[in-house]
Amino acid sequence: MPVKHYSYLLILLCLALLGGYSFATPGANKNTVDTKIMSFNIRYAGANDGENGWDKRRYLVRRAIRDHKPAIFGIQECLWDQGLELNEAFYGYRITGVGRDDGVQAGEMCLIFTRYDRYHLLDQGNFWLSEQPEEPGSKGWDAACPRIVTWVKLRDRRCNPDTLYVFNTHLDHAGPRAREEGSRLLQTRMKEIAAGHEMILLGDFNADASGKDAPYKILVEEGYLQGLSLRDSYLFASGAEKKLNPGTWHGFTGKASRGRIDWILTTGGFRAVDAGIERLQMNGRYPSDHFPVWANFRQERHPPLPSDQIDGSTGATPKY
C-alpha cells in the first residue's frame, strides 16, 4: 500500500481515538457524534458454572465490551470482586453502583460505566424494587432476590442532550408480580428523578420484548399513558440483524431462548441509528450466559460548555 494511504489510515485512527470512543456511520457529519451504548449481564462469579466459570471467560467479557468501545455501558449480576477487576480493566471510565444486599459491597450490582473524557457526573443514587425502595436488601412482592436500580445524572461535554440520566436494573427471574410491580415503580421513580430530562434505561428485564410480558408493555408500549415514553433501540437494528434469533439468554450454549430479555430503552432525545446483539464466542466459549446488547445513537454536537457549567460543581463522588 502506498505511504500516503498509510498516513490517511493513521489520521482516521487518531480522529477516532480523539472522539471519545465515537464512530461515524453513514449519514453522520461534522455536526453529529455517534455514541455507542451497551448493556451486559455478565453472570455472577460465584455460580457453579464448571467450564464456564468466571476464571475461564473473564477475558471474553472484557473483549466483548472493548470491541464496541461504548461511551456508556451497564453491567448486571456483577459481584464486588468482578467490579474491581472491570474497574481496573476499564480505567478510562467512572464506575458507579453498590451491592443490592446491603447498599455497599454485598450482593450483585447493576454497575454503570461512563467515560471520564465525555461525561461529568452531577449526581447518582440507588433504590430497590420493593415496597420499601429506600431499604437496602429489601425484596418486593414475590421476588426471589433483592432487586436494585442504580442511576447517574450526567453532563455530556460534547453533545445534546447535554444533561441526561442513565438507569440500570435487573428484574427478578422468579416473580411475575415482582417484575410487573417493579416495572411500575421503576417508571414512577424515573419520572421523579429525571424530572423531564432525557434518559437511558439499561437492564436485564427477565421478560421478552413483547406485549405478552408485563415489563415491556408497561415501560414501552403503554408508557406514554403515564407520561414517560421510552423507545426500544433494537427496533432500529439492521435488516440483517433482525433476521437472526433475537434472544439474549442462551445458557452458555449460543442457542438463545426465552426471547429478547436484555434491552436498551431511551426517551425521544436519543436518535438510534443502529442496534444489535453481540454474539462473540471463541472456540465454543461465550463471555456469559447472556449476549450483550448495544445501540448506536446519533447526537448533535453542542458548542463547548463554559467551564463553570461543566466543572463548577464538584458533582457526586462515585460510591463504588
C-alpha atoms as a PDB file:
ATOM      1  CA  MET A   1       0.000   0.000   0.000  1.00  0.00           C
ATOM      2  CA  PRO A   2       1.419   3.493  -0.835  1.00  0.00           C
ATOM      3  CA  VAL A   3       2.759   5.546   2.054  1.00  0.00           C
ATOM      4  CA  LYS A   4       0.062   8.185   1.631  1.00  0.00           C
ATOM      5  CA  HIS A   5      -2.574   5.525   2.238  1.00  0.00           C
ATOM      6  CA  TYR A   6      -0.901   4.536   5.495  1.00  0.00           C
ATOM      7  CA  SER A   7      -0.881   8.199   6.534  1.00  0.00           C
ATOM      8  CA  TYR A   8      -4.568   8.521   5.738  1.00  0.00           C
ATOM      9  CA  LEU A   9      -5.414   5.486   7.844  1.00  0.00           C
ATOM     10  CA  LEU A  10      -3.314   6.830  10.709  1.00  0.00           C
ATOM     11  CA  ILE A  11      -5.226  10.128  10.614  1.00  0.00           C
ATOM     12  CA  LEU A  12      -8.549   8.283  10.733  1.00  0.00           C
ATOM     13  CA  LEU A  13      -7.376   6.226  13.706  1.00  0.00           C
ATOM     14  CA  CYS A  14      -6.296   9.328  15.602  1.00  0.00           C
ATOM     15  CA  LEU A  15      -9.603  11.042  14.927  1.00  0.00           C
ATOM     16  CA  ALA A  16     -11.489   8.026  16.237  1.00  0.00           C
ATOM     17  CA  LEU A  17      -9.422   7.954  19.411  1.00  0.00           C
ATOM     18  CA  LEU A  18      -9.839  11.682  19.982  1.00  0.00           C
ATOM     19  CA  GLY A  19     -13.567  11.317  19.523  1.00  0.00           C
ATOM     20  CA  GLY A  20     -14.108   9.768  22.952  1.00  0.00           C
ATOM     21  CA  TYR A  21     -14.910   6.361  21.517  1.00  0.00           C
ATOM     22  CA  SER A  22     -17.456   7.614  18.975  1.00  0.00           C
ATOM     23  CA  PHE A  23     -17.697   6.227  15.485  1.00  0.00           C
ATOM     24  CA  ALA A  24     -19.063   7.711  12.302  1.00  0.00           C
ATOM     25  CA  THR A  25     -21.602   5.681  10.364  1.00  0.00           C
ATOM     26  CA  PRO A  26     -23.320   6.541   7.076  1.00  0.00           C
ATOM     27  CA  GLY A  27     -25.321   9.728   7.433  1.00  0.00           C
ATOM     28  CA  ALA A  28     -23.062  11.221  10.134  1.00  0.00           C
ATOM     29  CA  ASN A  29     -21.453  14.624   9.598  1.00  0.00           C
ATOM     30  CA  LYS A  30     -19.222  17.118  11.393  1.00  0.00           C
ATOM     31  CA  ASN A  31     -22.193  18.383  13.394  1.00  0.00           C
ATOM     32  CA  THR A  32     -23.048  14.990  14.864  1.00  0.00           C
ATOM     33  CA  VAL A  33     -21.416  12.357  17.053  1.00  0.00           C
ATOM     34  CA  ASP A  34     -22.288   8.660  17.042  1.00  0.00           C
ATOM     35  CA  THR A  35     -22.369   7.294  20.573  1.00  0.00           C
ATOM     36  CA  LYS A  36     -22.314   3.581  21.424  1.00  0.00           C
ATOM     37  CA  ILE A  37     -24.199   2.305  24.496  1.00  0.00           C
ATOM     38  CA  MET A  38     -24.104  -1.291  25.832  1.00  0.00           C
ATOM     39  CA  SER A  39     -25.883  -3.460  28.392  1.00  0.00           C
ATOM     40  CA  PHE A  40     -24.453  -6.784  29.554  1.00  0.00           C
ATOM     41  CA  ASN A  41     -25.445  -9.389  32.153  1.00  0.00           C
ATOM     42  CA  ILE A  42     -22.004 -10.872  32.834  1.00  0.00           C
ATOM     43  CA  ARG A  43     -23.161 -13.782  35.097  1.00  0.00           C
ATOM     44  CA  TYR A  44     -22.017 -13.628  38.705  1.00  0.00           C
ATOM     45  CA  ALA A  45     -18.680 -15.196  39.550  1.00  0.00           C
ATOM     46  CA  GLY A  46     -19.991 -17.265  42.465  1.00  0.00           C
ATOM     47  CA  ALA A  47     -22.102 -19.551  40.284  1.00  0.00           C
ATOM     48  CA  ASN A  48     -21.075 -23.197  39.905  1.00  0.00           C
ATOM     49  CA  ASP A  49     -20.592 -22.973  36.136  1.00  0.00           C
ATOM     50  CA  GLY A  50     -17.782 -25.511  35.737  1.00  0.00           C
ATOM     51  CA  GLU A  51     -16.044 -24.958  32.409  1.00  0.00           C
ATOM     52  CA  ASN A  52     -17.918 -21.675  32.058  1.00  0.00           C
ATOM     53  CA  GLY A  53     -16.679 -20.273  35.368  1.00  0.00           C
ATOM     54  CA  TRP A  54     -15.555 -16.660  35.613  1.00  0.00           C
ATOM     55  CA  ASP A  55     -11.852 -17.513  35.537  1.00  0.00           C
ATOM     56  CA  LYS A  56     -12.296 -19.106  32.091  1.00  0.00           C
ATOM     57  CA  ARG A  57     -14.295 -16.300  30.481  1.00  0.00           C
ATOM     58  CA  ARG A  58     -13.229 -13.055  32.169  1.00  0.00           C
ATOM     59  CA  TYR A  59     -11.089 -12.125  29.158  1.00  0.00           C
ATOM     60  CA  LEU A  60     -14.029 -12.609  26.813  1.00  0.00           C
ATOM     61  CA  VAL A  61     -16.208 -10.291  28.912  1.00  0.00           C
ATOM     62  CA  ARG A  62     -13.598  -7.560  28.628  1.00  0.00           C
ATOM     63  CA  ARG A  63     -13.142  -8.174  24.929  1.00  0.00           C
ATOM     64  CA  ALA A  64     -16.879  -8.084  24.180  1.00  0.00           C
ATOM     65  CA  ILE A  65     -17.035  -4.616  25.730  1.00  0.00           C
ATOM     66  CA  ARG A  66     -13.770  -3.298  24.280  1.00  0.00           C
ATOM     67  CA  ASP A  67     -14.704  -4.372  20.758  1.00  0.00           C
ATOM     68  CA  HIS A  68     -17.568  -1.866  20.846  1.00  0.00           C
ATOM     69  CA  LYS A  69     -15.790   0.928  22.752  1.00  0.00           C
ATOM     70  CA  PRO A  70     -19.005   2.205  24.350  1.00  0.00           C
ATOM     71  CA  ALA A  71     -19.266   5.678  25.819  1.00  0.00           C
ATOM     72  CA  ILE A  72     -21.607   4.241  28.464  1.00  0.00           C
ATOM     73  CA  PHE A  73     -22.252   0.654  29.469  1.00  0.00           C
ATOM     74  CA  GLY A  74     -24.270  -1.062  32.162  1.00  0.00           C
ATOM     75  CA  ILE A  75     -23.408  -4.369  33.832  1.00  0.00           C
ATOM     76  CA  GLN A  76     -25.802  -6.701  35.670  1.00  0.00           C
ATOM     77  CA  GLU A  77     -25.028  -9.592  38.080  1.00  0.00           C
ATOM     78  CA  CYS A  78     -21.643  -8.134  38.928  1.00  0.00           C
ATOM     79  CA  LEU A  79     -20.106  -9.054  42.295  1.00  0.00           C
ATOM     80  CA  TRP A  80     -17.675  -6.788  44.153  1.00  0.00           C
ATOM     81  CA  ASP A  81     -14.508  -8.592  43.031  1.00  0.00           C
ATOM     82  CA  GLN A  82     -15.715  -8.658  39.429  1.00  0.00           C
ATOM     83  CA  GLY A  83     -16.369  -4.931  39.676  1.00  0.00           C
ATOM     84  CA  LEU A  84     -12.850  -4.302  40.957  1.00  0.00           C
ATOM     85  CA  GLU A  85     -11.459  -6.277  38.038  1.00  0.00           C
ATOM     86  CA  LEU A  86     -13.528  -4.387  35.475  1.00  0.00           C
ATOM     87  CA  ASN A  87     -12.733  -1.083  37.126  1.00  0.00           C
ATOM     88  CA  GLU A  88      -9.031  -1.811  36.629  1.00  0.00           C
ATOM     89  CA  ALA A  89      -9.532  -3.038  33.066  1.00  0.00           C
ATOM     90  CA  PHE A  90     -11.597  -0.008  32.005  1.00  0.00           C
ATOM     91  CA  TYR A  91      -9.569   2.697  33.686  1.00  0.00           C
ATOM     92  CA  GLY A  92     -10.885   5.411  31.342  1.00  0.00           C
ATOM     93  CA  TYR A  93     -14.343   5.029  32.860  1.00  0.00           C
ATOM     94  CA  ARG A  94     -16.047   6.172  36.040  1.00  0.00           C
ATOM     95  CA  ILE A  95     -17.826   3.290  37.783  1.00  0.00           C
ATOM     96  CA  THR A  96     -20.996   3.766  39.838  1.00  0.00           C
ATOM     97  CA  GLY A  97     -23.038   1.257  41.846  1.00  0.00           C
ATOM     98  CA  VAL A  98     -23.494  -0.627  45.131  1.00  0.00           C
ATOM     99  CA  GLY A  99     -24.315  -4.158  46.268  1.00  0.00           C
ATOM    100  CA  ARG A 100     -28.020  -4.967  46.315  1.00  0.00           C
ATOM    101  CA  ASP A 101     -27.901  -6.829  49.650  1.00  0.00           C
ATOM    102  CA  ASP A 102     -26.575  -4.017  51.860  1.00  0.00           C
ATOM    103  CA  GLY A 103     -26.208  -0.922  49.683  1.00  0.00           C
ATOM    104  CA  VAL A 104     -22.411  -1.160  49.954  1.00  0.00           C
ATOM    105  CA  GLN A 105     -20.488  -4.237  48.740  1.00  0.00           C
ATOM    106  CA  ALA A 106     -22.641  -7.309  49.388  1.00  0.00           C
ATOM    107  CA  GLY A 107     -24.592  -8.982  46.625  1.00  0.00           C
ATOM    108  CA  GLU A 108     -24.968  -8.436  42.924  1.00  0.00           C
ATOM    109  CA  MET A 109     -24.627  -4.965  41.444  1.00  0.00           C
ATOM    110  CA  CYS A 110     -26.061  -3.072  38.496  1.00  0.00           C
ATOM    111  CA  LEU A 111     -22.988  -1.004  37.668  1.00  0.00           C
ATOM    112  CA  ILE A 112     -22.836   1.946  35.279  1.00  0.00           C
ATOM    113  CA  PHE A 113     -19.592   2.821  33.480  1.00  0.00           C
ATOM    114  CA  THR A 114     -19.226   6.294  31.929  1.00  0.00           C
ATOM    115  CA  ARG A 115     -16.202   7.719  30.135  1.00  0.00           C
ATOM    116  CA  TYR A 116     -14.328  10.363  32.108  1.00  0.00           C
ATOM    117  CA  ASP A 117     -13.417  12.348  28.996  1.00  0.00           C
ATOM    118  CA  ARG A 118     -17.015  12.557  27.793  1.00  0.00           C
ATOM    119  CA  TYR A 119     -19.273  12.859  30.859  1.00  0.00           C
ATOM    120  CA  HIS A 120     -19.236  14.863  34.056  1.00  0.00           C
ATOM    121  CA  LEU A 121     -21.026  13.181  36.974  1.00  0.00           C
ATOM    122  CA  LEU A 122     -23.605  15.518  38.507  1.00  0.00           C
ATOM    123  CA  ASP A 123     -25.489  13.136  40.787  1.00  0.00           C
ATOM    124  CA  GLN A 124     -26.117   9.452  41.479  1.00  0.00           C
ATOM    125  CA  GLY A 125     -28.299   7.136  43.518  1.00  0.00           C
ATOM    126  CA  ASN A 126     -29.871   3.741  44.066  1.00  0.00           C
ATOM    127  CA  PHE A 127     -33.270   2.387  45.002  1.00  0.00           C
ATOM    128  CA  TRP A 128     -34.754  -1.056  45.445  1.00  0.00           C
ATOM    129  CA  LEU A 129     -37.672  -2.553  43.526  1.00  0.00           C
ATOM    130  CA  SER A 130     -39.808  -3.292  46.564  1.00  0.00           C
ATOM    131  CA  GLU A 131     -42.458  -1.800  48.809  1.00  0.00           C
ATOM    132  CA  GLN A 132     -39.548  -0.151  50.703  1.00  0.00           C
ATOM    133  CA  PRO A 133     -37.454   1.249  47.835  1.00  0.00           C
ATOM    134  CA  GLU A 134     -35.038   3.094  50.141  1.00  0.00           C
ATOM    135  CA  GLU A 135     -34.314  -0.011  52.242  1.00  0.00           C
ATOM    136  CA  PRO A 136     -31.107  -1.811  51.148  1.00  0.00           C
ATOM    137  CA  GLY A 137     -31.661  -5.520  50.621  1.00  0.00           C
ATOM    138  CA  SER A 138     -35.459  -5.270  50.564  1.00  0.00           C
ATOM    139  CA  LYS A 139     -37.340  -7.795  48.432  1.00  0.00           C
ATOM    140  CA  GLY A 140     -40.571  -6.852  46.728  1.00  0.00           C
ATOM    141  CA  TRP A 141     -43.774  -8.803  46.197  1.00  0.00           C
ATOM    142  CA  ASP A 142     -42.989 -12.382  45.042  1.00  0.00           C
ATOM    143  CA  ALA A 143     -39.328 -11.717  44.183  1.00  0.00           C
ATOM    144  CA  ALA A 144     -36.721 -14.378  44.947  1.00  0.00           C
ATOM    145  CA  CYS A 145     -33.954 -11.788  45.401  1.00  0.00           C
ATOM    146  CA  PRO A 146     -33.492  -8.127  46.245  1.00  0.00           C
ATOM    147  CA  ARG A 147     -33.559  -6.083  43.043  1.00  0.00           C
ATOM    148  CA  ILE A 148     -31.770  -2.771  42.726  1.00  0.00           C
ATOM    149  CA  VAL A 149     -31.733   0.203  40.344  1.00  0.00           C
ATOM    150  CA  THR A 150     -28.591   2.327  40.032  1.00  0.00           C
ATOM    151  CA  TRP A 151     -28.766   5.715  38.329  1.00  0.00           C
ATOM    152  CA  VAL A 152     -26.493   8.614  37.391  1.00  0.00           C
ATOM    153  CA  LYS A 153     -27.101  12.153  36.244  1.00  0.00           C
ATOM    154  CA  LEU A 154     -24.541  13.226  33.648  1.00  0.00           C
ATOM    155  CA  ARG A 155     -23.426  16.328  31.809  1.00  0.00           C
ATOM    156  CA  ASP A 156     -22.349  15.488  28.255  1.00  0.00           C
ATOM    157  CA  ARG A 157     -19.318  17.616  27.436  1.00  0.00           C
ATOM    158  CA  ARG A 158     -19.805  17.289  23.688  1.00  0.00           C
ATOM    159  CA  CYS A 159     -23.397  16.612  22.635  1.00  0.00           C
ATOM    160  CA  ASN A 160     -27.067  17.292  23.067  1.00  0.00           C
ATOM    161  CA  PRO A 161     -28.849  16.363  25.219  1.00  0.00           C
ATOM    162  CA  ASP A 162     -26.237  17.962  27.446  1.00  0.00           C
ATOM    163  CA  THR A 163     -27.934  16.685  30.615  1.00  0.00           C
ATOM    164  CA  LEU A 164     -29.074  13.076  30.800  1.00  0.00           C
ATOM    165  CA  TYR A 165     -29.873  10.294  33.230  1.00  0.00           C
ATOM    166  CA  VAL A 166     -28.840   6.647  32.939  1.00  0.00           C
ATOM    167  CA  PHE A 167     -30.656   3.900  34.864  1.00  0.00           C
ATOM    168  CA  ASN A 168     -29.505   0.285  35.137  1.00  0.00           C
ATOM    169  CA  THR A 169     -31.510  -2.596  36.634  1.00  0.00           C
ATOM    170  CA  HIS A 170     -32.155  -6.343  36.748  1.00  0.00           C
ATOM    171  CA  LEU A 171     -35.731  -7.513  37.250  1.00  0.00           C
ATOM    172  CA  ASP A 172     -36.486 -10.672  39.210  1.00  0.00           C
ATOM    173  CA  HIS A 173     -36.197 -14.017  37.441  1.00  0.00           C
ATOM    174  CA  ALA A 174     -38.814 -15.847  39.528  1.00  0.00           C
ATOM    175  CA  GLY A 175     -41.623 -13.498  40.478  1.00  0.00           C
ATOM    176  CA  PRO A 176     -44.041 -12.318  37.751  1.00  0.00           C
ATOM    177  CA  ARG A 177     -45.693  -9.883  40.145  1.00  0.00           C
ATOM    178  CA  ALA A 178     -42.293  -8.532  41.168  1.00  0.00           C
ATOM    179  CA  ARG A 179     -41.478  -7.879  37.505  1.00  0.00           C
ATOM    180  CA  GLU A 180     -44.793  -6.142  36.930  1.00  0.00           C
ATOM    181  CA  GLU A 181     -44.847  -4.046  40.099  1.00  0.00           C
ATOM    182  CA  GLY A 182     -41.113  -3.418  39.812  1.00  0.00           C
ATOM    183  CA  SER A 183     -41.638  -2.029  36.310  1.00  0.00           C
ATOM    184  CA  ARG A 184     -44.347   0.309  37.580  1.00  0.00           C
ATOM    185  CA  LEU A 185     -42.149   1.507  40.435  1.00  0.00           C
ATOM    186  CA  LEU A 186     -39.220   1.949  38.053  1.00  0.00           C
ATOM    187  CA  GLN A 187     -41.404   4.016  35.720  1.00  0.00           C
ATOM    188  CA  THR A 188     -42.603   6.244  38.576  1.00  0.00           C
ATOM    189  CA  ARG A 189     -39.159   6.778  40.090  1.00  0.00           C
ATOM    190  CA  MET A 190     -37.531   7.502  36.727  1.00  0.00           C
ATOM    191  CA  LYS A 191     -40.057  10.267  36.135  1.00  0.00           C
ATOM    192  CA  GLU A 192     -39.458  11.714  39.592  1.00  0.00           C
ATOM    193  CA  ILE A 193     -35.654  11.529  39.452  1.00  0.00           C
ATOM    194  CA  ALA A 194     -35.093  12.675  35.866  1.00  0.00           C
ATOM    195  CA  ALA A 195     -37.755  15.405  36.084  1.00  0.00           C
ATOM    196  CA  GLY A 196     -38.216  15.845  32.352  1.00  0.00           C
ATOM    197  CA  HIS A 197     -34.586  15.306  31.297  1.00  0.00           C
ATOM    198  CA  GLU A 198     -33.647  12.753  28.643  1.00  0.00           C
ATOM    199  CA  MET A 199     -32.844   9.274  29.917  1.00  0.00           C
ATOM    200  CA  ILE A 200     -31.440   5.851  29.036  1.00  0.00           C
ATOM    201  CA  LEU A 201     -32.651   2.652  30.690  1.00  0.00           C
ATOM    202  CA  LEU A 202     -30.388  -0.414  30.573  1.00  0.00           C
ATOM    203  CA  GLY A 203     -31.021  -3.830  32.007  1.00  0.00           C
ATOM    204  CA  ASP A 204     -31.863  -7.500  32.128  1.00  0.00           C
ATOM    205  CA  PHE A 205     -35.645  -7.480  32.422  1.00  0.00           C
ATOM    206  CA  ASN A 206     -36.195 -11.257  32.527  1.00  0.00           C
ATOM    207  CA  ALA A 207     -39.135 -10.673  30.190  1.00  0.00           C
ATOM    208  CA  ASP A 208     -39.496 -10.891  26.434  1.00  0.00           C
ATOM    209  CA  ALA A 209     -39.623  -7.656  24.468  1.00  0.00           C
ATOM    210  CA  SER A 210     -43.262  -8.087  23.550  1.00  0.00           C
ATOM    211  CA  GLY A 211     -46.643  -7.041  24.844  1.00  0.00           C
ATOM    212  CA  LYS A 212     -47.138 -10.568  26.189  1.00  0.00           C
ATOM    213  CA  ASP A 213     -44.881  -9.767  29.144  1.00  0.00           C
ATOM    214  CA  ALA A 214     -45.824  -7.013  31.586  1.00  0.00           C
ATOM    215  CA  PRO A 215     -42.481  -5.120  31.808  1.00  0.00           C
ATOM    216  CA  TYR A 216     -42.312  -4.350  28.083  1.00  0.00           C
ATOM    217  CA  LYS A 217     -45.994  -3.454  27.957  1.00  0.00           C
ATOM    218  CA  ILE A 218     -45.650  -1.106  30.933  1.00  0.00           C
ATOM    219  CA  LEU A 219     -42.345   0.544  30.037  1.00  0.00           C
ATOM    220  CA  VAL A 220     -42.546   0.688  26.237  1.00  0.00           C
ATOM    221  CA  GLU A 221     -45.944   0.048  24.741  1.00  0.00           C
ATOM    222  CA  GLU A 222     -48.054   1.938  27.282  1.00  0.00           C
ATOM    223  CA  GLY A 223     -45.506   4.239  28.876  1.00  0.00           C
ATOM    224  CA  TYR A 224     -46.955   7.292  27.193  1.00  0.00           C
ATOM    225  CA  LEU A 225     -50.117   6.818  29.267  1.00  0.00           C
ATOM    226  CA  GLN A 226     -48.033   7.570  32.368  1.00  0.00           C
ATOM    227  CA  GLY A 227     -46.132  10.426  30.770  1.00  0.00           C
ATOM    228  CA  LEU A 228     -42.924   8.511  30.121  1.00  0.00           C
ATOM    229  CA  SER A 229     -42.440   7.353  26.526  1.00  0.00           C
ATOM    230  CA  LEU A 230     -39.481   5.007  26.061  1.00  0.00           C
ATOM    231  CA  ARG A 231     -38.203   3.715  22.725  1.00  0.00           C
ATOM    232  CA  ASP A 232     -36.767   0.259  22.189  1.00  0.00           C
ATOM    233  CA  SER A 233     -33.432   0.840  20.452  1.00  0.00           C
ATOM    234  CA  TYR A 234     -33.403  -2.673  18.952  1.00  0.00           C
ATOM    235  CA  LEU A 235     -36.199  -1.660  16.604  1.00  0.00           C
ATOM    236  CA  PHE A 236     -33.544   0.350  14.745  1.00  0.00           C
ATOM    237  CA  ALA A 237     -31.343  -2.703  14.106  1.00  0.00           C
ATOM    238  CA  SER A 238     -30.369  -3.544  10.543  1.00  0.00           C
ATOM    239  CA  GLY A 239     -32.398  -5.905   8.400  1.00  0.00           C
ATOM    240  CA  ALA A 240     -29.592  -8.455   8.597  1.00  0.00           C
ATOM    241  CA  GLU A 241     -29.594  -8.331  12.413  1.00  0.00           C
ATOM    242  CA  LYS A 242     -33.351  -8.750  12.595  1.00  0.00           C
ATOM    243  CA  LYS A 243     -33.147 -11.951  10.553  1.00  0.00           C
ATOM    244  CA  LEU A 244     -31.133 -13.567  13.350  1.00  0.00           C
ATOM    245  CA  ASN A 245     -32.512 -15.094  16.535  1.00  0.00           C
ATOM    246  CA  PRO A 246     -33.223 -12.044  18.743  1.00  0.00           C
ATOM    247  CA  GLY A 247     -32.924 -13.999  22.009  1.00  0.00           C
ATOM    248  CA  THR A 248     -30.322 -12.806  24.506  1.00  0.00           C
ATOM    249  CA  TRP A 249     -30.211 -15.591  27.136  1.00  0.00           C
ATOM    250  CA  HIS A 250     -28.543 -18.785  25.912  1.00  0.00           C
ATOM    251  CA  GLY A 251     -27.167 -20.538  28.992  1.00  0.00           C
ATOM    252  CA  PHE A 252     -23.606 -20.722  27.575  1.00  0.00           C
ATOM    253  CA  THR A 253     -24.838 -22.737  24.573  1.00  0.00           C
ATOM    254  CA  GLY A 254     -25.016 -19.957  21.990  1.00  0.00           C
ATOM    255  CA  LYS A 255     -28.588 -21.049  21.214  1.00  0.00           C
ATOM    256  CA  ALA A 256     -30.799 -18.310  22.570  1.00  0.00           C
ATOM    257  CA  SER A 257     -34.173 -18.982  24.139  1.00  0.00           C
ATOM    258  CA  ARG A 258     -36.693 -17.033  26.236  1.00  0.00           C
ATOM    259  CA  GLY A 259     -36.733 -14.172  23.736  1.00  0.00           C
ATOM    260  CA  ARG A 260     -35.011 -10.791  23.890  1.00  0.00           C
ATOM    261  CA  ILE A 261     -34.876 -10.086  27.622  1.00  0.00           C
ATOM    262  CA  ASP A 262     -31.999  -7.552  27.646  1.00  0.00           C
ATOM    263  CA  TRP A 263     -32.926  -4.058  26.468  1.00  0.00           C
ATOM    264  CA  ILE A 264     -31.699  -0.532  25.903  1.00  0.00           C
ATOM    265  CA  LEU A 265     -34.595   1.930  26.145  1.00  0.00           C
ATOM    266  CA  THR A 266     -34.417   5.708  25.704  1.00  0.00           C
ATOM    267  CA  THR A 267     -36.527   8.819  25.639  1.00  0.00           C
ATOM    268  CA  GLY A 268     -37.009  10.664  22.355  1.00  0.00           C
ATOM    269  CA  GLY A 269     -33.936  12.870  22.635  1.00  0.00           C
ATOM    270  CA  PHE A 270     -31.738   9.927  21.655  1.00  0.00           C
ATOM    271  CA  ARG A 271     -31.874   9.004  17.977  1.00  0.00           C
ATOM    272  CA  ALA A 272     -30.885   5.370  17.418  1.00  0.00           C
ATOM    273  CA  VAL A 273     -29.331   4.674  14.022  1.00  0.00           C
ATOM    274  CA  ASP A 274     -28.295   1.060  14.606  1.00  0.00           C
ATOM    275  CA  ALA A 275     -28.518  -1.640  17.251  1.00  0.00           C
ATOM    276  CA  GLY A 276     -27.725  -5.286  17.733  1.00  0.00           C
ATOM    277  CA  ILE A 277     -26.777  -8.267  19.833  1.00  0.00           C
ATOM    278  CA  GLU A 278     -23.107  -9.200  20.301  1.00  0.00           C
ATOM    279  CA  ARG A 279     -22.691 -12.953  19.801  1.00  0.00           C
ATOM    280  CA  LEU A 280     -18.947 -13.192  20.408  1.00  0.00           C
ATOM    281  CA  GLN A 281     -17.519 -16.647  21.103  1.00  0.00           C
ATOM    282  CA  MET A 282     -14.066 -18.211  20.952  1.00  0.00           C
ATOM    283  CA  ASN A 283     -13.666 -21.937  20.429  1.00  0.00           C
ATOM    284  CA  GLY A 284     -17.212 -22.513  21.595  1.00  0.00           C
ATOM    285  CA  ARG A 285     -16.826 -20.480  24.791  1.00  0.00           C
ATOM    286  CA  TYR A 286     -19.013 -17.448  25.439  1.00  0.00           C
ATOM    287  CA  PRO A 287     -18.402 -14.432  27.694  1.00  0.00           C
ATOM    288  CA  SER A 288     -21.624 -15.020  29.635  1.00  0.00           C
ATOM    289  CA  ASP A 289     -24.908 -16.903  29.601  1.00  0.00           C
ATOM    290  CA  HIS A 290     -26.400 -13.710  28.132  1.00  0.00           C
ATOM    291  CA  PHE A 291     -25.451 -11.993  24.892  1.00  0.00           C
ATOM    292  CA  PRO A 292     -24.657  -8.316  25.448  1.00  0.00           C
ATOM    293  CA  VAL A 293     -26.778  -5.801  23.558  1.00  0.00           C
ATOM    294  CA  TRP A 294     -25.703  -2.485  22.035  1.00  0.00           C
ATOM    295  CA  ALA A 295     -27.156   0.547  20.312  1.00  0.00           C
ATOM    296  CA  ASN A 296     -25.639   3.432  18.385  1.00  0.00           C
ATOM    297  CA  PHE A 297     -27.131   6.904  18.826  1.00  0.00           C
ATOM    298  CA  ARG A 298     -26.538   9.925  16.606  1.00  0.00           C
ATOM    299  CA  GLN A 299     -26.299  13.093  18.682  1.00  0.00           C
ATOM    300  CA  GLU A 300     -25.890  16.733  17.727  1.00  0.00           C
ATOM    301  CA  ARG A 301     -22.718  18.455  18.819  1.00  0.00           C
ATOM    302  CA  HIS A 302     -23.073  21.476  21.024  1.00  0.00           C
ATOM    303  CA  PRO A 303     -20.579  24.327  21.445  1.00  0.00           C
ATOM    304  CA  PRO A 304     -18.050  23.798  24.221  1.00  0.00           C
ATOM    305  CA  LEU A 305     -19.719  24.497  27.538  1.00  0.00           C
ATOM    306  CA  PRO A 306     -18.232  27.212  29.768  1.00  0.00           C
ATOM    307  CA  SER A 307     -16.047  25.668  32.439  1.00  0.00           C
ATOM    308  CA  ASP A 308     -18.403  26.859  35.173  1.00  0.00           C
ATOM    309  CA  GLN A 309     -21.229  24.857  33.571  1.00  0.00           C
ATOM    310  CA  ILE A 310     -19.168  21.694  33.341  1.00  0.00           C
ATOM    311  CA  ASP A 311     -16.966  21.775  36.393  1.00  0.00           C
ATOM    312  CA  GLY A 312     -18.453  24.486  38.595  1.00  0.00           C
ATOM    313  CA  SER A 313     -19.951  21.770  40.784  1.00  0.00           C
ATOM    314  CA  THR A 314     -17.887  19.054  42.351  1.00  0.00           C
ATOM    315  CA  GLY A 315     -20.643  16.680  41.311  1.00  0.00           C
ATOM    316  CA  ALA A 316     -21.005  13.396  43.139  1.00  0.00           C
ATOM    317  CA  THR A 317     -18.249  11.085  44.269  1.00  0.00           C
ATOM    318  CA  PRO A 318     -18.893   7.567  42.952  1.00  0.00           C
ATOM    319  CA  LYS A 319     -19.856   5.270  45.788  1.00  0.00           C
ATOM    320  CA  TYR A 320     -18.228   2.243  44.235  1.00  0.00           C
END
